[in-house]
Amino acid sequence: MDINCLDCTNSACCKVYVVEISKEEYEKYKKLGLHKNFETRTDIFLKKNSKYKTKRKELDEMHTQYFAEAKKRKDGYCTFLDKAMRCSIYENRPKVCAEYKHNRCENIRCIKN
């Protein structure tokens, strides 16, 4: 069964899961001007390990499959959710969101409630 996130009533997966994207996807979001809603693995690492800041290129090359993750709002939800708790980039949502399976959605709703 396909899921239409636009019909979701609680957006639980948008709070519980980390949305990770590849470098290729990150480049797509960069072209769309949406890359600021993601934090690269390199940036996450360098916050805690600033002595490696001159190794940015090498660090970026290490993380091509899981290059970045979607930032979360202060309430813990994905920054792409609008005021109605619907995905504001649904047509351009990350691959991991588009491939999200229905049974996982049901399971996460049980956990959240």
C-alpha atoms as a PDB file:
ATOM      1  CA  MET A   1       0.000   0.000   0.000  1.00  0.00           C
ATOM      2  CA  ASP A   2       1.334   3.431  -0.890  1.00  0.00           C
ATOM      3  CA  ILE A   3       1.459   6.178   1.691  1.00  0.00           C
ATOM      4  CA  ASN A   4       0.496   9.733   0.957  1.00  0.00           C
ATOM      5  CA  CYS A   5       2.265  11.817   3.594  1.00  0.00           C
ATOM      6  CA  LEU A   6       0.005  14.706   2.720  1.00  0.00           C
ATOM      7  CA  ASP A   7      -2.862  12.723   4.305  1.00  0.00           C
ATOM      8  CA  CYS A   8      -0.937  11.997   7.515  1.00  0.00           C
ATOM      9  CA  THR A   9      -2.564  13.099  10.732  1.00  0.00           C
ATOM     10  CA  ASN A  10       0.385  13.046  13.138  1.00  0.00           C
ATOM     11  CA  SER A  11       3.685  13.279  11.207  1.00  0.00           C
ATOM     12  CA  ALA A  12       5.308  10.894  13.696  1.00  0.00           C
ATOM     13  CA  CYS A  13       7.984   9.670  11.305  1.00  0.00           C
ATOM     14  CA  CYS A  14       9.030  13.281  10.699  1.00  0.00           C
ATOM     15  CA  LYS A  15      10.000  13.494  14.360  1.00  0.00           C
ATOM     16  CA  VAL A  16      11.351  10.060  15.175  1.00  0.00           C
ATOM     17  CA  TYR A  17      13.514   9.332  12.138  1.00  0.00           C
ATOM     18  CA  VAL A  18      16.683  11.019  10.963  1.00  0.00           C
ATOM     19  CA  VAL A  19      16.340  11.878   7.279  1.00  0.00           C
ATOM     20  CA  GLU A  20      19.704  11.119   5.708  1.00  0.00           C
ATOM     21  CA  ILE A  21      20.530  12.048   2.132  1.00  0.00           C
ATOM     22  CA  SER A  22      23.353  11.257  -0.259  1.00  0.00           C
ATOM     23  CA  LYS A  23      25.757  13.804  -1.666  1.00  0.00           C
ATOM     24  CA  GLU A  24      23.881  13.568  -4.977  1.00  0.00           C
ATOM     25  CA  GLU A  25      20.603  14.465  -3.262  1.00  0.00           C
ATOM     26  CA  TYR A  26      22.307  17.268  -1.344  1.00  0.00           C
ATOM     27  CA  GLU A  27      23.455  18.768  -4.653  1.00  0.00           C
ATOM     28  CA  LYS A  28      19.858  18.596  -5.911  1.00  0.00           C
ATOM     29  CA  TYR A  29      18.640  20.481  -2.833  1.00  0.00           C
ATOM     30  CA  LYS A  30      21.446  22.977  -3.270  1.00  0.00           C
ATOM     31  CA  LYS A  31      20.130  23.787  -6.761  1.00  0.00           C
ATOM     32  CA  LEU A  32      16.637  24.175  -5.282  1.00  0.00           C
ATOM     33  CA  GLY A  33      17.968  26.486  -2.559  1.00  0.00           C
ATOM     34  CA  LEU A  34      16.907  24.039   0.173  1.00  0.00           C
ATOM     35  CA  HIS A  35      20.334  22.822   1.291  1.00  0.00           C
ATOM     36  CA  LYS A  36      20.330  25.077   4.368  1.00  0.00           C
ATOM     37  CA  ASN A  37      17.680  22.752   5.815  1.00  0.00           C
ATOM     38  CA  PHE A  38      20.317  20.017   5.952  1.00  0.00           C
ATOM     39  CA  GLU A  39      23.474  19.629   7.986  1.00  0.00           C
ATOM     40  CA  THR A  40      26.365  17.753   6.438  1.00  0.00           C
ATOM     41  CA  ARG A  41      28.087  14.937   8.299  1.00  0.00           C
ATOM     42  CA  THR A  42      31.284  16.958   7.999  1.00  0.00           C
ATOM     43  CA  ASP A  43      29.715  19.956   9.735  1.00  0.00           C
ATOM     44  CA  ILE A  44      28.344  17.722  12.488  1.00  0.00           C
ATOM     45  CA  PHE A  45      31.784  16.170  12.988  1.00  0.00           C
ATOM     46  CA  LEU A  46      33.645  19.488  12.900  1.00  0.00           C
ATOM     47  CA  LYS A  47      31.431  20.980  15.620  1.00  0.00           C
ATOM     48  CA  LYS A  48      32.973  18.469  18.016  1.00  0.00           C
ATOM     49  CA  ASN A  49      36.384  18.135  16.348  1.00  0.00           C
ATOM     50  CA  SER A  50      37.371  21.574  15.097  1.00  0.00           C
ATOM     51  CA  LYS A  51      41.045  20.627  14.875  1.00  0.00           C
ATOM     52  CA  TYR A  52      40.189  18.799  11.624  1.00  0.00           C
ATOM     53  CA  LYS A  53      38.655  21.824   9.876  1.00  0.00           C
ATOM     54  CA  THR A  54      41.430  21.818   7.256  1.00  0.00           C
ATOM     55  CA  LYS A  55      40.336  18.282   6.262  1.00  0.00           C
ATOM     56  CA  ARG A  56      36.835  19.269   5.104  1.00  0.00           C
ATOM     57  CA  LYS A  57      37.300  17.938   1.565  1.00  0.00           C
ATOM     58  CA  GLU A  58      38.546  14.569   2.789  1.00  0.00           C
ATOM     59  CA  LEU A  59      35.727  14.326   5.314  1.00  0.00           C
ATOM     60  CA  ASP A  60      33.122  15.178   2.662  1.00  0.00           C
ATOM     61  CA  GLU A  61      34.509  12.415   0.443  1.00  0.00           C
ATOM     62  CA  MET A  62      34.091   9.887   3.263  1.00  0.00           C
ATOM     63  CA  HIS A  63      30.356  10.544   3.536  1.00  0.00           C
ATOM     64  CA  THR A  64      28.914  10.263   0.041  1.00  0.00           C
ATOM     65  CA  GLN A  65      26.054   7.845   0.773  1.00  0.00           C
ATOM     66  CA  TYR A  66      24.973   9.540   4.013  1.00  0.00           C
ATOM     67  CA  PHE A  67      26.281  13.009   3.252  1.00  0.00           C
ATOM     68  CA  ALA A  68      23.792  15.092   5.223  1.00  0.00           C
ATOM     69  CA  GLU A  69      20.721  14.917   7.408  1.00  0.00           C
ATOM     70  CA  ALA A  70      17.640  17.091   7.588  1.00  0.00           C
ATOM     71  CA  LYS A  71      17.669  19.575  10.436  1.00  0.00           C
ATOM     72  CA  LYS A  72      14.988  19.403  13.081  1.00  0.00           C
ATOM     73  CA  ARG A  73      12.925  22.259  14.460  1.00  0.00           C
ATOM     74  CA  LYS A  74      13.012  23.084  18.176  1.00  0.00           C
ATOM     75  CA  ASP A  75       9.990  20.821  18.681  1.00  0.00           C
ATOM     76  CA  GLY A  76      11.919  17.908  17.133  1.00  0.00           C
ATOM     77  CA  TYR A  77      10.045  17.769  13.836  1.00  0.00           C
ATOM     78  CA  CYS A  78      11.548  18.015  10.347  1.00  0.00           C
ATOM     79  CA  THR A  79      12.074  21.585   9.144  1.00  0.00           C
ATOM     80  CA  PHE A  80      10.115  20.808   5.985  1.00  0.00           C
ATOM     81  CA  LEU A  81       6.793  20.410   7.804  1.00  0.00           C
ATOM     82  CA  ASP A  82       4.475  23.356   7.363  1.00  0.00           C
ATOM     83  CA  LYS A  83       2.073  24.772   9.990  1.00  0.00           C
ATOM     84  CA  ALA A  84      -0.487  22.081   9.145  1.00  0.00           C
ATOM     85  CA  MET A  85       2.205  19.400   9.771  1.00  0.00           C
ATOM     86  CA  ARG A  86       2.323  18.480   6.096  1.00  0.00           C
ATOM     87  CA  CYS A  87       5.488  18.078   4.038  1.00  0.00           C
ATOM     88  CA  SER A  88       6.198  21.362   2.276  1.00  0.00           C
ATOM     89  CA  ILE A  89       8.489  19.704  -0.293  1.00  0.00           C
ATOM     90  CA  TYR A  90       6.432  16.557  -0.872  1.00  0.00           C
ATOM     91  CA  GLU A  91       7.033  16.498  -4.640  1.00  0.00           C
ATOM     92  CA  ASN A  92      10.792  16.900  -4.020  1.00  0.00           C
ATOM     93  CA  ARG A  93      11.051  14.990  -0.728  1.00  0.00           C
ATOM     94  CA  PRO A  94      14.202  12.971  -0.006  1.00  0.00           C
ATOM     95  CA  LYS A  95      14.482   9.453  -1.378  1.00  0.00           C
ATOM     96  CA  VAL A  96      14.266   7.928   2.111  1.00  0.00           C
ATOM     97  CA  CYS A  97      10.920   9.679   2.648  1.00  0.00           C
ATOM     98  CA  ALA A  98       9.579   8.678  -0.765  1.00  0.00           C
ATOM     99  CA  GLU A  99      10.507   5.031  -0.132  1.00  0.00           C
ATOM    100  CA  TYR A 100       9.054   4.940   3.373  1.00  0.00           C
ATOM    101  CA  LYS A 101       6.977   1.779   3.820  1.00  0.00           C
ATOM    102  CA  HIS A 102       3.402   1.672   5.093  1.00  0.00           C
ATOM    103  CA  ASN A 103       4.013  -0.901   7.847  1.00  0.00           C
ATOM    104  CA  ARG A 104       6.751   1.313   9.318  1.00  0.00           C
ATOM    105  CA  CYS A 105       4.286   4.191   9.343  1.00  0.00           C
ATOM    106  CA  GLU A 106       1.750   2.124  11.282  1.00  0.00           C
ATOM    107  CA  ASN A 107       4.412   0.952  13.733  1.00  0.00           C
ATOM    108  CA  ILE A 108       5.697   4.447  14.425  1.00  0.00           C
ATOM    109  CA  ARG A 109       2.155   5.695  15.020  1.00  0.00           C
ATOM    110  CA  CYS A 110       1.773   2.987  17.686  1.00  0.00           C
ATOM    111  CA  ILE A 111       4.998   4.090  19.367  1.00  0.00           C
ATOM    112  CA  LYS A 112       4.038   7.756  19.346  1.00  0.00           C
ATOM    113  CA  ASN A 113       0.538   7.223  20.772  1.00  0.00           C
END
